[in-house]
Amino acid sequence: MPCRLTPTGALMPVTRRLELLRWAEETDSYIVEDDYDSDFRYDGPPLTALAGLDGGRRVFYVGTFSKSVGAGLRIGYATVPRMFWDEARMLKAQMTNGQAWLEQAALATFIDEGHFDRHLRRLRQVYKSRRDCLVRALWETFEDPVILGAESGLHLVWRLPKGFPPARRIQVTARERGIGVYALSSGAAYDFDPEARDDMLVFGYSSLAEAQIESAVRELRAISKDAR
């Protein structure tokens, strides 16, 4: 996930990406790039995928339309190196066993006629507004919050200040009050080190109205005080 590592939102620098591609070339290896949610980038220019730097040699680029159109569509895609085109077509035909064609045809027309691009532009405006609302609420509620991965995607990470309770405890207390914030260990990520730091909370904002976001952050302030 070089364009946006999930869940922290970290970005792999271009120099590091080129090093990775050189390694793949030198070792005759291949890379699977999961372009998780880079359709939704709010700050700065669009990022070039690793596959775009590769020239079709070493990167298998995969993604879905679950974030941009809807999970119920159940359509994903893969761009494979040229030397595997024939094998990919054969394997796809063998694996799908008569997958419904109508949704694929409708989606292809939706893309070809330019509706998908317009749809993404509208979604970016909506999600950016909600992202801005969440960032603003954190800044107004907590002192100098350290926010990670807010440049794109549908979630961000807040690094808890010193003296705050562990993220797991805040997650449990928040859930009891009807608020969904998540420690990395809740499933977003897992560290097998029992001594690992537990000071990051994941906030999803795509499905919340701005009033809900502001209310939840205010409640989170009370939760953090009670937990301390």
Protein backbone atom coordinates (compact mmCIF):
# COMPACT_ATOMS: atom_id res chain seq x y z
CA MET A 1 0.00 0.00 0.00
CA PRO A 2 2.57 2.62 -1.02
CA CYS A 3 0.02 5.41 -1.65
CA ARG A 4 -1.73 4.99 1.70
CA LEU A 5 -0.77 2.38 4.25
CA THR A 6 -3.76 1.10 6.16
CA PRO A 7 -4.51 1.93 8.91
CA THR A 8 -1.97 4.67 9.65
CA GLY A 9 -2.17 6.42 6.27
CA ALA A 10 1.62 6.50 5.90
CA LEU A 11 2.94 7.42 2.45
CA MET A 12 5.93 5.62 0.92
CA PRO A 13 8.37 8.18 -0.52
CA VAL A 14 9.15 8.02 -4.23
CA THR A 15 12.80 7.15 -3.52
CA ARG A 16 11.68 4.17 -1.46
CA ARG A 17 9.26 3.06 -4.20
CA LEU A 18 12.03 3.14 -6.79
CA GLU A 19 14.25 1.11 -4.45
CA LEU A 20 11.46 -1.46 -4.13
CA LEU A 21 11.09 -1.71 -7.90
CA ARG A 22 14.85 -2.14 -8.30
CA TRP A 23 14.79 -4.91 -5.71
CA ALA A 24 11.99 -6.70 -7.61
CA GLU A 25 13.97 -6.43 -10.85
CA GLU A 26 17.23 -7.63 -9.32
CA THR A 27 15.66 -10.58 -7.50
CA ASP A 28 13.18 -11.54 -10.27
CA SER A 29 10.33 -10.92 -7.82
CA TYR A 30 6.84 -9.47 -8.10
CA ILE A 31 4.90 -6.96 -6.00
CA VAL A 32 1.18 -6.91 -5.23
CA GLU A 33 0.01 -3.30 -4.83
CA ASP A 34 -3.28 -2.81 -3.00
CA ASP A 35 -4.56 0.64 -3.93
CA TYR A 36 -6.95 0.68 -0.99
CA ASP A 37 -8.64 4.07 -1.06
CA SER A 38 -6.47 6.48 -3.01
CA ASP A 39 -9.52 7.61 -5.04
CA PHE A 40 -10.14 9.97 -2.15
CA ARG A 41 -7.18 12.31 -1.90
CA TYR A 42 -7.93 15.78 -0.54
CA ASP A 43 -4.57 17.53 -0.14
CA GLY A 44 -1.83 17.82 -2.72
CA PRO A 45 -1.59 16.41 -6.25
CA PRO A 46 -2.69 12.86 -7.14
CA LEU A 47 -0.12 10.19 -6.33
CA THR A 48 1.36 7.91 -8.98
CA ALA A 49 0.77 4.27 -8.14
CA LEU A 50 3.72 1.91 -7.93
CA ALA A 51 2.34 0.19 -11.02
CA GLY A 52 2.51 3.51 -12.84
CA LEU A 53 6.24 3.76 -12.12
CA ASP A 54 6.85 0.14 -13.03
CA GLY A 55 5.90 0.16 -16.71
CA GLY A 56 3.96 -3.11 -16.52
CA ARG A 57 6.83 -5.41 -15.54
CA ARG A 58 6.78 -6.36 -11.85
CA VAL A 59 3.63 -5.02 -10.16
CA PHE A 60 0.23 -6.67 -9.80
CA TYR A 61 -2.12 -3.75 -9.12
CA VAL A 62 -5.39 -4.71 -7.41
CA GLY A 63 -8.40 -2.80 -6.09
CA THR A 64 -12.18 -2.79 -5.80
CA PHE A 65 -15.12 -0.46 -6.28
CA SER A 66 -16.37 -1.11 -2.73
CA LYS A 67 -15.38 2.35 -1.45
CA SER A 68 -16.18 4.38 -4.56
CA VAL A 69 -19.43 2.74 -5.72
CA GLY A 70 -20.54 0.30 -3.03
CA ALA A 71 -19.53 -2.97 -1.40
CA GLY A 72 -22.72 -4.62 -2.61
CA LEU A 73 -21.50 -4.34 -6.20
CA ARG A 74 -18.84 -6.97 -5.42
CA ILE A 75 -16.56 -6.04 -8.33
CA GLY A 76 -12.79 -5.88 -8.06
CA TYR A 77 -10.04 -5.53 -10.62
CA ALA A 78 -6.41 -6.39 -11.23
CA THR A 79 -3.83 -5.00 -13.62
CA VAL A 80 -1.14 -7.61 -14.21
CA PRO A 81 2.28 -7.50 -15.90
CA ARG A 82 2.07 -7.99 -19.66
CA MET A 83 3.73 -11.39 -19.59
CA PHE A 84 0.82 -12.73 -17.51
CA TRP A 85 -2.08 -11.39 -19.55
CA ASP A 86 -3.00 -14.72 -21.17
CA GLU A 87 -2.67 -16.65 -17.91
CA ALA A 88 -4.74 -14.05 -16.08
CA ARG A 89 -7.57 -14.30 -18.60
CA MET A 90 -7.57 -18.09 -18.35
CA LEU A 91 -7.52 -18.13 -14.54
CA LYS A 92 -10.28 -15.53 -14.36
CA ALA A 93 -12.48 -17.57 -16.67
CA GLN A 94 -11.89 -20.69 -14.58
CA MET A 95 -12.50 -19.00 -11.23
CA THR A 96 -15.62 -16.97 -11.93
CA ASN A 97 -17.72 -19.87 -13.22
CA GLY A 98 -20.39 -17.68 -14.77
CA GLN A 99 -20.12 -14.49 -12.75
CA ALA A 100 -23.01 -12.13 -13.46
CA TRP A 101 -22.12 -9.94 -16.44
CA LEU A 102 -24.82 -7.26 -16.16
CA GLU A 103 -23.24 -5.36 -13.27
CA GLN A 104 -19.86 -5.39 -15.02
CA ALA A 105 -21.35 -4.12 -18.27
CA ALA A 106 -23.27 -1.36 -16.48
CA LEU A 107 -20.16 -0.30 -14.56
CA ALA A 108 -18.07 -0.26 -17.76
CA THR A 109 -20.62 2.03 -19.43
CA PHE A 110 -20.76 4.20 -16.30
CA ILE A 111 -16.99 4.65 -16.53
CA ASP A 112 -16.78 5.07 -20.32
CA GLU A 113 -19.41 7.83 -20.37
CA GLY A 114 -17.58 9.84 -17.71
CA HIS A 115 -20.16 9.38 -14.95
CA PHE A 116 -17.70 7.64 -12.64
CA ASP A 117 -15.28 10.58 -12.67
CA ARG A 118 -18.10 13.01 -11.87
CA HIS A 119 -19.33 10.68 -9.14
CA LEU A 120 -15.84 10.60 -7.56
CA ARG A 121 -15.55 14.38 -7.66
CA ARG A 122 -18.84 14.72 -5.75
CA LEU A 123 -17.80 12.11 -3.20
CA ARG A 124 -14.44 13.81 -2.64
CA GLN A 125 -16.23 17.07 -1.83
CA VAL A 126 -18.54 15.33 0.65
CA TYR A 127 -15.80 13.32 2.35
CA LYS A 128 -13.37 16.24 2.42
CA SER A 129 -15.98 18.33 4.21
CA ARG A 130 -16.43 15.58 6.79
CA ARG A 131 -12.68 15.12 7.12
CA ASP A 132 -12.26 18.85 7.66
CA CYS A 133 -15.01 18.81 10.27
CA LEU A 134 -13.33 15.99 12.20
CA VAL A 135 -9.89 17.60 12.09
CA ARG A 136 -11.34 20.94 13.15
CA ALA A 137 -13.25 19.34 16.03
CA LEU A 138 -10.14 17.55 17.29
CA TRP A 139 -8.13 20.79 17.18
CA GLU A 140 -10.86 22.74 18.98
CA THR A 141 -11.31 20.06 21.64
CA PHE A 142 -7.79 18.80 22.35
CA GLU A 143 -4.48 20.64 22.60
CA ASP A 144 -2.18 20.26 19.56
CA PRO A 145 -3.56 16.88 18.40
CA VAL A 146 -1.19 14.70 16.37
CA ILE A 147 -3.26 13.50 13.40
CA LEU A 148 -1.97 10.92 10.92
CA GLY A 149 -3.21 9.97 7.46
CA ALA A 150 -5.71 12.79 7.02
CA GLU A 151 -4.54 13.72 3.51
CA SER A 152 -6.67 11.05 1.86
CA GLY A 153 -8.90 8.05 2.48
CA LEU A 154 -11.97 7.60 4.64
CA HIS A 155 -10.38 7.50 8.08
CA LEU A 156 -7.59 9.11 10.07
CA VAL A 157 -5.56 8.25 13.15
CA TRP A 158 -5.16 10.34 16.29
CA ARG A 159 -2.08 9.72 18.43
CA LEU A 160 -3.22 10.10 22.02
CA PRO A 161 -1.39 12.66 24.14
CA LYS A 162 0.77 11.59 27.07
CA GLY A 163 -1.25 10.91 30.19
CA PHE A 164 -4.29 9.63 28.28
CA PRO A 165 -5.69 6.15 28.96
CA PRO A 166 -4.77 3.35 26.52
CA ALA A 167 -6.62 3.37 23.23
CA ARG A 168 -8.24 0.02 24.01
CA ARG A 169 -9.84 1.41 27.17
CA ILE A 170 -11.14 4.48 25.35
CA GLN A 171 -12.56 2.25 22.61
CA VAL A 172 -14.52 0.15 25.12
CA THR A 173 -15.86 3.16 27.04
CA ALA A 174 -16.77 4.99 23.83
CA ARG A 175 -18.65 1.97 22.52
CA GLU A 176 -20.76 1.89 25.71
CA ARG A 177 -21.81 5.44 24.86
CA GLY A 178 -22.58 4.68 21.23
CA ILE A 179 -19.38 6.04 19.68
CA GLY A 180 -17.20 3.96 17.36
CA VAL A 181 -13.51 4.76 17.66
CA TYR A 182 -10.99 1.96 17.40
CA ALA A 183 -7.60 1.07 18.77
CA LEU A 184 -5.19 -0.34 16.19
CA SER A 185 -5.34 -3.70 17.96
CA SER A 186 -9.11 -3.92 17.41
CA GLY A 187 -8.62 -5.31 13.91
CA ALA A 188 -7.24 -2.37 12.00
CA ALA A 189 -3.76 -3.69 12.83
CA TYR A 190 -2.19 -6.08 15.29
CA ASP A 191 1.14 -6.04 17.08
CA PHE A 192 2.28 -9.29 18.65
CA ASP A 193 4.45 -7.40 21.12
CA PRO A 194 2.53 -7.20 24.44
CA GLU A 195 4.57 -4.13 25.34
CA ALA A 196 3.65 -2.30 22.14
CA ARG A 197 2.34 1.25 22.50
CA ASP A 198 -1.42 1.53 22.66
CA ASP A 199 -1.79 5.23 21.91
CA MET A 200 -3.55 5.45 18.54
CA LEU A 201 -7.25 5.73 17.80
CA VAL A 202 -8.76 5.22 14.34
CA PHE A 203 -11.64 7.52 13.32
CA GLY A 204 -13.83 6.71 10.33
CA TYR A 205 -15.90 9.65 9.07
CA SER A 206 -17.36 8.78 5.66
CA SER A 207 -20.84 7.76 6.86
CA LEU A 208 -21.37 10.43 9.53
CA ALA A 209 -23.02 13.82 9.28
CA GLU A 210 -20.91 16.73 10.46
CA ALA A 211 -23.16 17.33 13.46
CA GLN A 212 -22.62 13.71 14.52
CA ILE A 213 -18.86 14.11 14.18
CA GLU A 214 -18.80 17.25 16.34
CA SER A 215 -21.02 15.66 18.98
CA ALA A 216 -18.90 12.50 19.10
CA VAL A 217 -15.66 14.44 19.60
CA ARG A 218 -17.20 16.42 22.46
CA GLU A 219 -18.30 13.16 24.05
CA LEU A 220 -14.83 11.76 23.52
CA ARG A 221 -13.38 14.60 25.58
CA ALA A 222 -15.62 13.61 28.48
CA ILE A 223 -14.75 9.95 28.02
CA SER A 224 -11.02 10.66 28.11
CA LYS A 225 -11.40 12.66 31.33
CA ASP A 226 -13.51 9.98 33.00
CA ALA A 227 -11.11 7.21 31.95
CA ARG A 228 -8.20 9.13 33.50
